């Protein structure tokens, strides 16, 4: 099996617990409007939507846009 170059792979934080742990160090509130660049599979996006007024998520990988 051909090994992938780590520089060409992506890793995602998928644990809701870990996402919440990271986001607790922000000061995002319900009045905030957020631009998320590189939203991936949306694990952070889902939490950001709950925390803020609006989230605009940008993802260039079409495979992830439909995940």
PDB file of N, CA and C in Angstrom:
ATOM      1  N   UNK A   1       0.844  -1.176   0.000  1.00  0.00           N
ATOM      2  CA  UNK A   1       0.000   0.000   0.000  1.00  0.00           C
ATOM      3  C   UNK A   1       0.890   1.240   0.000  1.00  0.00           C
ATOM      4  N   UNK A   2       0.564   2.172  -0.877  1.00  0.00           N
ATOM      5  CA  UNK A   2       1.334   3.408  -0.974  1.00  0.00           C
ATOM      6  C   UNK A   2       1.001   4.316   0.210  1.00  0.00           C
ATOM      7  N   UNK A   3       2.041   4.792   0.889  1.00  0.00           N
ATOM      8  CA  UNK A   3       1.829   5.688   2.028  1.00  0.00           C
ATOM      9  C   UNK A   3       1.588   7.110   1.538  1.00  0.00           C
ATOM     10  N   UNK A   4       0.707   7.805   2.243  1.00  0.00           N
ATOM     11  CA  UNK A   4       0.419   9.197   1.915  1.00  0.00           C
ATOM     12  C   UNK A   4       1.435  10.100   2.590  1.00  0.00           C
ATOM     13  N   UNK A   5       1.765  11.157   1.906  1.00  0.00           N
ATOM     14  CA  UNK A   5       2.642  12.174   2.463  1.00  0.00           C
ATOM     15  C   UNK A   5       1.839  12.966   3.495  1.00  0.00           C
ATOM     16  N   UNK A   6       2.294  13.031   4.745  1.00  0.00           N
ATOM     17  CA  UNK A   6       1.556  13.768   5.784  1.00  0.00           C
ATOM     18  C   UNK A   6       1.270  15.224   5.417  1.00  0.00           C
ATOM     19  N   UNK A   7       2.095  15.808   4.559  1.00  0.00           N
ATOM     20  CA  UNK A   7       1.870  17.194   4.143  1.00  0.00           C
ATOM     21  C   UNK A   7       0.628  17.326   3.261  1.00  0.00           C
ATOM     22  N   UNK A   8       0.181  16.209   2.689  1.00  0.00           N
ATOM     23  CA  UNK A   8      -0.971  16.239   1.785  1.00  0.00           C
ATOM     24  C   UNK A   8      -2.231  15.656   2.416  1.00  0.00           C
ATOM     25  N   UNK A   9      -2.238  15.467   3.708  1.00  0.00           N
ATOM     26  CA  UNK A   9      -3.415  14.907   4.376  1.00  0.00           C
ATOM     27  C   UNK A   9      -4.007  15.939   5.327  1.00  0.00           C
ATOM     28  N   UNK A  10      -5.247  15.671   5.732  1.00  0.00           N
ATOM     29  CA  UNK A  10      -5.920  16.559   6.673  1.00  0.00           C
ATOM     30  C   UNK A  10      -6.357  15.744   7.878  1.00  0.00           C
ATOM     31  N   UNK A  11      -6.330  16.366   9.021  1.00  0.00           N
ATOM     32  CA  UNK A  11      -6.806  15.734  10.245  1.00  0.00           C
ATOM     33  C   UNK A  11      -7.854  16.643  10.856  1.00  0.00           C
ATOM     34  N   UNK A  12      -8.904  16.032  11.380  1.00  0.00           N
ATOM     35  CA  UNK A  12     -10.019  16.805  11.907  1.00  0.00           C
ATOM     36  C   UNK A  12     -10.270  16.459  13.362  1.00  0.00           C
ATOM     37  N   UNK A  13     -10.596  17.467  14.136  1.00  0.00           N
ATOM     38  CA  UNK A  13     -11.055  17.243  15.507  1.00  0.00           C
ATOM     39  C   UNK A  13     -12.541  16.951  15.392  1.00  0.00           C
ATOM     40  N   UNK A  14     -12.937  15.732  15.721  1.00  0.00           N
ATOM     41  CA  UNK A  14     -14.333  15.335  15.557  1.00  0.00           C
ATOM     42  C   UNK A  14     -15.064  15.184  16.884  1.00  0.00           C
ATOM     43  N   UNK A  15     -14.340  15.159  17.965  1.00  0.00           N
ATOM     44  CA  UNK A  15     -14.945  14.996  19.285  1.00  0.00           C
ATOM     45  C   UNK A  15     -15.612  16.294  19.722  1.00  0.00           C
ATOM     46  N   UNK A  16     -16.926  16.223  19.956  1.00  0.00           N
ATOM     47  CA  UNK A  16     -17.665  17.403  20.415  1.00  0.00           C
ATOM     48  C   UNK A  16     -17.065  17.928  21.717  1.00  0.00           C
ATOM     49  N   UNK A  17     -16.613  17.018  22.561  1.00  0.00           N
ATOM     50  CA  UNK A  17     -15.995  17.404  23.838  1.00  0.00           C
ATOM     51  C   UNK A  17     -14.759  18.269  23.594  1.00  0.00           C
ATOM     52  N   UNK A  18     -13.909  17.853  22.660  1.00  0.00           N
ATOM     53  CA  UNK A  18     -12.683  18.597  22.385  1.00  0.00           C
ATOM     54  C   UNK A  18     -12.969  19.925  21.684  1.00  0.00           C
ATOM     55  N   UNK A  19     -13.952  19.936  20.795  1.00  0.00           N
ATOM     56  CA  UNK A  19     -14.334  21.182  20.126  1.00  0.00           C
ATOM     57  C   UNK A  19     -14.796  22.196  21.167  1.00  0.00           C
ATOM     58  N   UNK A  20     -15.675  21.773  22.069  1.00  0.00           N
ATOM     59  CA  UNK A  20     -16.173  22.671  23.121  1.00  0.00           C
ATOM     60  C   UNK A  20     -15.037  23.134  24.034  1.00  0.00           C
ATOM     61  N   UNK A  21     -14.108  22.232  24.333  1.00  0.00           N
ATOM     62  CA  UNK A  21     -12.965  22.577  25.191  1.00  0.00           C
ATOM     63  C   UNK A  21     -12.132  23.686  24.544  1.00  0.00           C
ATOM     64  N   UNK A  22     -11.893  23.583  23.257  1.00  0.00           N
ATOM     65  CA  UNK A  22     -11.114  24.602  22.547  1.00  0.00           C
ATOM     66  C   UNK A  22     -11.876  25.925  22.488  1.00  0.00           C
ATOM     67  N   UNK A  23     -13.160  25.858  22.159  1.00  0.00           N
ATOM     68  CA  UNK A  23     -13.948  27.082  21.992  1.00  0.00           C
ATOM     69  C   UNK A  23     -14.222  27.814  23.302  1.00  0.00           C
ATOM     70  N   UNK A  24     -14.090  27.140  24.419  1.00  0.00           N
ATOM     71  CA  UNK A  24     -14.323  27.831  25.695  1.00  0.00           C
ATOM     72  C   UNK A  24     -13.254  28.893  25.971  1.00  0.00           C
ATOM     73  N   UNK A  25     -12.144  28.826  25.252  1.00  0.00           N
ATOM     74  CA  UNK A  25     -11.079  29.818  25.422  1.00  0.00           C
ATOM     75  C   UNK A  25     -11.294  31.052  24.539  1.00  0.00           C
ATOM     76  N   UNK A  26     -12.413  31.098  23.831  1.00  0.00           N
ATOM     77  CA  UNK A  26     -12.737  32.272  23.017  1.00  0.00           C
ATOM     78  C   UNK A  26     -13.711  33.161  23.786  1.00  0.00           C
ATOM     79  N   UNK A  27     -13.937  34.334  23.290  1.00  0.00           N
ATOM     80  CA  UNK A  27     -14.942  35.202  23.908  1.00  0.00           C
ATOM     81  C   UNK A  27     -16.082  35.467  22.927  1.00  0.00           C
ATOM     82  N   UNK A  28     -16.439  34.449  22.163  1.00  0.00           N
ATOM     83  CA  UNK A  28     -17.526  34.547  21.188  1.00  0.00           C
ATOM     84  C   UNK A  28     -18.851  34.641  21.933  1.00  0.00           C
ATOM     85  N   UNK A  29     -19.710  35.568  21.455  1.00  0.00           N
ATOM     86  CA  UNK A  29     -21.028  35.703  22.082  1.00  0.00           C
ATOM     87  C   UNK A  29     -22.111  35.804  21.012  1.00  0.00           C
ATOM     88  N   UNK A  30     -23.363  35.849  21.439  1.00  0.00           N
ATOM     89  CA  UNK A  30     -24.525  35.821  20.536  1.00  0.00           C
ATOM     90  C   UNK A  30     -24.601  37.016  19.586  1.00  0.00           C
ATOM     91  N   UNK A  31     -23.866  38.071  19.849  1.00  0.00           N
ATOM     92  CA  UNK A  31     -23.875  39.232  18.961  1.00  0.00           C
ATOM     93  C   UNK A  31     -22.810  39.132  17.858  1.00  0.00           C
ATOM     94  N   UNK A  32     -21.920  38.165  17.953  1.00  0.00           N
ATOM     95  CA  UNK A  32     -20.804  38.047  17.011  1.00  0.00           C
ATOM     96  C   UNK A  32     -21.232  37.452  15.674  1.00  0.00           C
ATOM     97  N   UNK A  33     -20.581  37.952  14.621  1.00  0.00           N
ATOM     98  CA  UNK A  33     -20.705  37.393  13.279  1.00  0.00           C
ATOM     99  C   UNK A  33     -19.333  36.824  12.941  1.00  0.00           C
ATOM    100  N   UNK A  34     -19.292  35.570  12.541  1.00  0.00           N
ATOM    101  CA  UNK A  34     -18.024  34.856  12.385  1.00  0.00           C
ATOM    102  C   UNK A  34     -17.821  34.430  10.941  1.00  0.00           C
ATOM    103  N   UNK A  35     -16.586  34.557  10.459  1.00  0.00           N
ATOM    104  CA  UNK A  35     -16.171  33.970   9.191  1.00  0.00           C
ATOM    105  C   UNK A  35     -15.229  32.830   9.552  1.00  0.00           C
ATOM    106  N   UNK A  36     -15.607  31.632   9.184  1.00  0.00           N
ATOM    107  CA  UNK A  36     -14.764  30.463   9.453  1.00  0.00           C
ATOM    108  C   UNK A  36     -14.138  30.024   8.138  1.00  0.00           C
ATOM    109  N   UNK A  37     -12.832  30.128   8.036  1.00  0.00           N
ATOM    110  CA  UNK A  37     -12.115  29.743   6.826  1.00  0.00           C
ATOM    111  C   UNK A  37     -11.542  28.349   7.032  1.00  0.00           C
ATOM    112  N   UNK A  38     -11.897  27.442   6.134  1.00  0.00           N
ATOM    113  CA  UNK A  38     -11.469  26.055   6.261  1.00  0.00           C
ATOM    114  C   UNK A  38     -12.370  25.302   7.222  1.00  0.00           C
ATOM    115  N   UNK A  39     -13.660  25.319   6.946  1.00  0.00           N
ATOM    116  CA  UNK A  39     -14.635  24.740   7.880  1.00  0.00           C
ATOM    117  C   UNK A  39     -14.668  23.219   7.874  1.00  0.00           C
ATOM    118  N   UNK A  40     -13.983  22.601   6.929  1.00  0.00           N
ATOM    119  CA  UNK A  40     -13.883  21.143   6.931  1.00  0.00           C
ATOM    120  C   UNK A  40     -15.236  20.462   6.935  1.00  0.00           C
ATOM    121  N   UNK A  41     -15.412  19.529   7.856  1.00  0.00           N
ATOM    122  CA  UNK A  41     -16.657  18.768   7.948  1.00  0.00           C
ATOM    123  C   UNK A  41     -17.686  19.452   8.844  1.00  0.00           C
ATOM    124  N   UNK A  42     -17.346  20.619   9.377  1.00  0.00           N
ATOM    125  CA  UNK A  42     -18.310  21.410  10.121  1.00  0.00           C
ATOM    126  C   UNK A  42     -18.394  21.148  11.609  1.00  0.00           C
ATOM    127  N   UNK A  43     -17.424  20.446  12.172  1.00  0.00           N
ATOM    128  CA  UNK A  43     -17.477  20.141  13.604  1.00  0.00           C
ATOM    129  C   UNK A  43     -17.416  21.411  14.458  1.00  0.00           C
ATOM    130  N   UNK A  44     -16.549  22.332  14.099  1.00  0.00           N
ATOM    131  CA  UNK A  44     -16.497  23.609  14.815  1.00  0.00           C
ATOM    132  C   UNK A  44     -17.671  24.492  14.398  1.00  0.00           C
ATOM    133  N   UNK A  45     -18.045  24.415  13.136  1.00  0.00           N
ATOM    134  CA  UNK A  45     -19.132  25.246  12.614  1.00  0.00           C
ATOM    135  C   UNK A  45     -20.411  25.050  13.412  1.00  0.00           C
ATOM    136  N   UNK A  46     -20.751  23.805  13.688  1.00  0.00           N
ATOM    137  CA  UNK A  46     -21.981  23.501  14.440  1.00  0.00           C
ATOM    138  C   UNK A  46     -21.993  24.197  15.795  1.00  0.00           C
ATOM    139  N   UNK A  47     -20.874  24.186  16.474  1.00  0.00           N
ATOM    140  CA  UNK A  47     -20.795  24.836  17.789  1.00  0.00           C
ATOM    141  C   UNK A  47     -20.794  26.355  17.650  1.00  0.00           C
ATOM    142  N   UNK A  48     -20.103  26.862  16.632  1.00  0.00           N
ATOM    143  CA  UNK A  48     -20.052  28.311  16.414  1.00  0.00           C
ATOM    144  C   UNK A  48     -21.436  28.878  16.112  1.00  0.00           C
ATOM    145  N   UNK A  49     -22.253  28.118  15.397  1.00  0.00           N
ATOM    146  CA  UNK A  49     -23.623  28.550  15.096  1.00  0.00           C
ATOM    147  C   UNK A  49     -24.414  28.741  16.383  1.00  0.00           C
ATOM    148  N   UNK A  50     -24.213  27.848  17.343  1.00  0.00           N
ATOM    149  CA  UNK A  50     -24.919  27.942  18.627  1.00  0.00           C
ATOM    150  C   UNK A  50     -24.419  29.116  19.474  1.00  0.00           C
ATOM    151  N   UNK A  51     -23.161  29.490  19.290  1.00  0.00           N
ATOM    152  CA  UNK A  51     -22.537  30.511  20.132  1.00  0.00           C
ATOM    153  C   UNK A  51     -22.708  31.935  19.609  1.00  0.00           C
ATOM    154  N   UNK A  52     -22.978  32.086  18.315  1.00  0.00           N
ATOM    155  CA  UNK A  52     -22.917  33.406  17.692  1.00  0.00           C
ATOM    156  C   UNK A  52     -24.205  33.754  16.956  1.00  0.00           C
ATOM    157  N   UNK A  53     -24.230  34.977  16.444  1.00  0.00           N
ATOM    158  CA  UNK A  53     -25.394  35.430  15.681  1.00  0.00           C
ATOM    159  C   UNK A  53     -25.418  34.814  14.288  1.00  0.00           C
ATOM    160  N   UNK A  54     -24.230  34.721  13.668  1.00  0.00           N
ATOM    161  CA  UNK A  54     -24.154  34.246  12.286  1.00  0.00           C
ATOM    162  C   UNK A  54     -22.762  33.679  12.021  1.00  0.00           C
ATOM    163  N   UNK A  55     -22.710  32.622  11.188  1.00  0.00           N
ATOM    164  CA  UNK A  55     -21.432  32.047  10.768  1.00  0.00           C
ATOM    165  C   UNK A  55     -21.442  31.929   9.247  1.00  0.00           C
ATOM    166  N   UNK A  56     -20.433  32.500   8.607  1.00  0.00           N
ATOM    167  CA  UNK A  56     -20.184  32.279   7.187  1.00  0.00           C
ATOM    168  C   UNK A  56     -18.992  31.343   7.121  1.00  0.00           C
ATOM    169  N   UNK A  57     -19.212  30.150   6.599  1.00  0.00           N
ATOM    170  CA  UNK A  57     -18.156  29.142   6.542  1.00  0.00           C
ATOM    171  C   UNK A  57     -17.654  29.007   5.112  1.00  0.00           C
ATOM    172  N   UNK A  58     -16.339  28.972   4.959  1.00  0.00           N
ATOM    173  CA  UNK A  58     -15.709  28.861   3.646  1.00  0.00           C
ATOM    174  C   UNK A  58     -14.867  27.593   3.626  1.00  0.00           C
ATOM    175  N   UNK A  59     -15.114  26.740   2.623  1.00  0.00           N
ATOM    176  CA  UNK A  59     -14.345  25.507   2.450  1.00  0.00           C
ATOM    177  C   UNK A  59     -14.125  25.306   0.956  1.00  0.00           C
ATOM    178  N   UNK A  60     -12.873  25.155   0.531  1.00  0.00           N
ATOM    179  CA  UNK A  60     -12.588  25.006  -0.897  1.00  0.00           C
ATOM    180  C   UNK A  60     -12.574  23.550  -1.353  1.00  0.00           C
ATOM    181  N   UNK A  61     -12.493  22.613  -0.439  1.00  0.00           N
ATOM    182  CA  UNK A  61     -12.483  21.193  -0.789  1.00  0.00           C
ATOM    183  C   UNK A  61     -13.924  20.736  -1.021  1.00  0.00           C
ATOM    184  N   UNK A  62     -14.282  20.526  -2.291  1.00  0.00           N
ATOM    185  CA  UNK A  62     -15.660  20.160  -2.626  1.00  0.00           C
ATOM    186  C   UNK A  62     -16.103  18.875  -1.940  1.00  0.00           C
ATOM    187  N   UNK A  63     -15.180  17.962  -1.736  1.00  0.00           N
ATOM    188  CA  UNK A  63     -15.515  16.716  -1.058  1.00  0.00           C
ATOM    189  C   UNK A  63     -15.973  16.945   0.371  1.00  0.00           C
ATOM    190  N   UNK A  64     -15.429  17.947   1.015  1.00  0.00           N
ATOM    191  CA  UNK A  64     -15.825  18.262   2.387  1.00  0.00           C
ATOM    192  C   UNK A  64     -17.113  19.074   2.427  1.00  0.00           C
ATOM    193  N   UNK A  65     -17.374  19.829   1.375  1.00  0.00           N
ATOM    194  CA  UNK A  65     -18.597  20.644   1.340  1.00  0.00           C
ATOM    195  C   UNK A  65     -19.845  19.776   1.338  1.00  0.00           C
ATOM    196  N   UNK A  66     -19.719  18.568   0.866  1.00  0.00           N
ATOM    197  CA  UNK A  66     -20.874  17.672   0.767  1.00  0.00           C
ATOM    198  C   UNK A  66     -20.791  16.529   1.764  1.00  0.00           C
ATOM    199  N   UNK A  67     -19.899  16.656   2.739  1.00  0.00           N
ATOM    200  CA  UNK A  67     -19.719  15.579   3.729  1.00  0.00           C
ATOM    201  C   UNK A  67     -20.875  15.555   4.707  1.00  0.00           C
TER     202      UNK A  67
END
